[in-house]
N, C-alpha and C. Protein backbone atom coordinates (compact mmCIF):
# COMPACT_ATOMS: atom_id res chain seq x y z
N MET A 1 194.79 267.88 201.74
CA MET A 1 194.14 267.20 200.64
C MET A 1 193.38 268.24 199.83
N HIS A 2 193.57 268.23 198.54
CA HIS A 2 192.89 269.19 197.68
C HIS A 2 192.10 268.41 196.64
N VAL A 3 190.79 268.62 196.63
CA VAL A 3 189.92 267.93 195.69
C VAL A 3 189.42 268.95 194.67
N ARG A 4 189.74 268.73 193.42
CA ARG A 4 189.28 269.63 192.36
C ARG A 4 187.92 269.14 191.85
N THR A 5 186.99 270.06 191.76
CA THR A 5 185.65 269.72 191.26
C THR A 5 185.16 270.86 190.39
N THR A 6 184.11 270.59 189.66
CA THR A 6 183.50 271.65 188.87
C THR A 6 182.64 272.51 189.79
N ARG A 7 182.38 273.72 189.37
CA ARG A 7 181.56 274.62 190.18
C ARG A 7 180.13 274.11 190.27
N HIS A 8 179.47 274.50 191.34
CA HIS A 8 178.06 274.20 191.55
C HIS A 8 177.76 272.70 191.55
N ARG A 9 178.63 271.97 192.20
CA ARG A 9 178.42 270.53 192.28
C ARG A 9 178.04 270.19 193.73
N PRO A 10 176.76 269.98 193.99
CA PRO A 10 176.27 269.77 195.36
C PRO A 10 176.94 268.63 196.11
N ALA A 11 177.37 267.60 195.41
CA ALA A 11 177.98 266.46 196.10
C ALA A 11 179.24 266.86 196.86
N THR A 12 179.95 267.85 196.38
CA THR A 12 181.19 268.25 197.04
C THR A 12 180.92 269.11 198.26
N ASN A 13 179.75 269.69 198.38
CA ASN A 13 179.44 270.50 199.55
C ASN A 13 179.51 269.66 200.82
N GLY A 14 179.07 268.44 200.76
CA GLY A 14 179.10 267.55 201.92
C GLY A 14 180.52 267.28 202.38
N ILE A 15 181.42 267.09 201.43
CA ILE A 15 182.83 266.85 201.76
C ILE A 15 183.39 268.05 202.49
N ALA A 16 183.16 269.24 201.95
CA ALA A 16 183.67 270.46 202.57
C ALA A 16 183.04 270.68 203.95
N GLU A 17 181.75 270.45 204.05
CA GLU A 17 181.07 270.66 205.33
C GLU A 17 181.56 269.67 206.39
N ARG A 18 181.81 268.42 206.01
CA ARG A 18 182.34 267.45 206.98
C ARG A 18 183.74 267.85 207.43
N PHE A 19 184.55 268.34 206.49
CA PHE A 19 185.90 268.79 206.85
C PHE A 19 185.83 269.95 207.84
N ILE A 20 185.01 270.94 207.55
CA ILE A 20 184.90 272.12 208.41
C ILE A 20 184.39 271.72 209.80
N GLU A 21 183.40 270.86 209.85
CA GLU A 21 182.86 270.42 211.15
C GLU A 21 183.94 269.70 211.96
N ARG A 22 184.67 268.80 211.32
CA ARG A 22 185.73 268.08 212.04
C ARG A 22 186.85 269.02 212.46
N LEU A 23 187.19 269.97 211.62
CA LEU A 23 188.22 270.95 211.97
C LEU A 23 187.81 271.73 213.21
N LYS A 24 186.56 272.16 213.26
CA LYS A 24 186.05 272.89 214.43
C LYS A 24 186.14 272.02 215.69
N GLU A 25 185.77 270.75 215.55
CA GLU A 25 185.83 269.85 216.70
C GLU A 25 187.26 269.67 217.20
N MET A 26 188.18 269.49 216.25
CA MET A 26 189.58 269.29 216.62
C MET A 26 190.17 270.54 217.27
N LEU A 27 189.80 271.72 216.77
CA LEU A 27 190.30 272.96 217.36
C LEU A 27 189.69 273.24 218.73
N ALA A 28 188.45 272.81 218.94
CA ALA A 28 187.79 273.03 220.23
C ALA A 28 188.48 272.25 221.35
N GLU A 29 189.21 271.20 220.99
CA GLU A 29 189.91 270.38 221.97
C GLU A 29 191.25 270.99 222.38
N ARG A 30 191.65 272.09 221.76
CA ARG A 30 192.96 272.68 222.00
C ARG A 30 192.84 274.13 222.41
N GLU A 31 193.92 274.65 222.98
CA GLU A 31 193.97 276.06 223.36
C GLU A 31 195.25 276.69 222.83
N TRP A 32 195.21 278.00 222.61
CA TRP A 32 196.38 278.75 222.17
C TRP A 32 196.25 280.17 222.69
N GLU A 33 197.41 280.83 222.82
CA GLU A 33 197.42 282.18 223.39
C GLU A 33 197.79 283.26 222.38
N ASP A 34 198.48 282.88 221.31
CA ASP A 34 198.86 283.89 220.32
C ASP A 34 198.86 283.27 218.92
N VAL A 35 199.11 284.09 217.93
CA VAL A 35 199.04 283.64 216.53
C VAL A 35 200.07 282.55 216.24
N GLU A 36 201.27 282.69 216.77
CA GLU A 36 202.31 281.69 216.52
C GLU A 36 201.90 280.34 217.08
N GLU A 37 201.33 280.35 218.27
CA GLU A 37 200.88 279.10 218.88
C GLU A 37 199.70 278.52 218.09
N LEU A 38 198.81 279.36 217.63
CA LEU A 38 197.69 278.91 216.80
C LEU A 38 198.22 278.24 215.53
N MET A 39 199.24 278.80 214.92
CA MET A 39 199.80 278.20 213.71
C MET A 39 200.36 276.81 214.00
N ARG A 40 201.01 276.63 215.15
CA ARG A 40 201.52 275.30 215.53
C ARG A 40 200.36 274.34 215.76
N VAL A 41 199.30 274.82 216.41
CA VAL A 41 198.12 273.98 216.64
C VAL A 41 197.52 273.56 215.30
N LEU A 42 197.38 274.50 214.38
CA LEU A 42 196.80 274.19 213.07
C LEU A 42 197.65 273.17 212.31
N GLU A 43 198.98 273.31 212.39
CA GLU A 43 199.84 272.34 211.72
C GLU A 43 199.59 270.93 212.26
N GLY A 44 199.48 270.81 213.58
CA GLY A 44 199.21 269.51 214.18
C GLY A 44 197.85 268.97 213.81
N VAL A 45 196.83 269.83 213.82
CA VAL A 45 195.47 269.40 213.48
C VAL A 45 195.40 268.97 212.02
N ILE A 46 195.99 269.73 211.14
CA ILE A 46 195.97 269.39 209.72
C ILE A 46 196.73 268.09 209.47
N SER A 47 197.85 267.92 210.13
CA SER A 47 198.63 266.69 209.99
C SER A 47 197.82 265.49 210.46
N ALA A 48 197.17 265.61 211.62
CA ALA A 48 196.34 264.52 212.14
C ALA A 48 195.18 264.22 211.19
N TYR A 49 194.56 265.25 210.66
CA TYR A 49 193.44 265.07 209.73
C TYR A 49 193.92 264.35 208.47
N ASN A 50 195.02 264.82 207.90
CA ASN A 50 195.53 264.21 206.67
C ASN A 50 195.97 262.77 206.90
N ASP A 51 196.59 262.48 208.06
CA ASP A 51 196.99 261.11 208.36
C ASP A 51 195.77 260.20 208.45
N ALA A 52 194.71 260.69 209.08
CA ALA A 52 193.49 259.90 209.22
C ALA A 52 192.85 259.68 207.85
N CYS A 53 192.87 260.70 207.01
CA CYS A 53 192.30 260.56 205.66
C CYS A 53 193.10 259.55 204.84
N SER A 54 194.41 259.60 204.96
CA SER A 54 195.25 258.66 204.23
C SER A 54 195.00 257.24 204.70
N ALA A 55 194.75 257.08 205.99
CA ALA A 55 194.51 255.75 206.54
C ALA A 55 193.14 255.21 206.13
N SER A 56 192.14 256.09 206.07
CA SER A 56 190.79 255.61 205.77
C SER A 56 190.56 255.47 204.27
N ARG A 57 191.04 256.42 203.49
CA ARG A 57 190.89 256.44 202.02
C ARG A 57 189.44 256.46 201.56
N ILE A 58 188.48 256.47 202.48
CA ILE A 58 187.07 256.48 202.08
C ILE A 58 186.38 257.62 202.79
N GLY A 59 186.20 258.74 202.14
CA GLY A 59 185.44 259.85 202.68
C GLY A 59 186.09 260.60 203.83
N CYS A 60 187.28 260.24 204.20
CA CYS A 60 188.00 260.91 205.27
C CYS A 60 187.17 261.00 206.55
N SER A 61 186.52 259.93 206.93
CA SER A 61 185.77 259.89 208.17
C SER A 61 186.73 259.65 209.31
N ILE A 62 186.73 260.54 210.29
CA ILE A 62 187.65 260.41 211.41
C ILE A 62 186.83 260.12 212.66
N SER A 63 187.16 259.05 213.33
CA SER A 63 186.46 258.74 214.57
C SER A 63 186.84 259.75 215.62
N LYS A 64 185.86 260.09 216.46
CA LYS A 64 186.11 261.05 217.52
C LYS A 64 186.80 260.41 218.69
């Protein structure tokens, strides 16, 4: 998901910070041994995140 905004818009910082926090949480639940495996993990995490955002349509809040 790509959200275009104007520069220096504080409201968008929260969106980015929530995404980064959730990404960290999702990655902490997984393990990988090399770069190729990490790329597969990232593809799965991003897909799960995007599916949850599409389902919620409101702020992309994902239940833990």
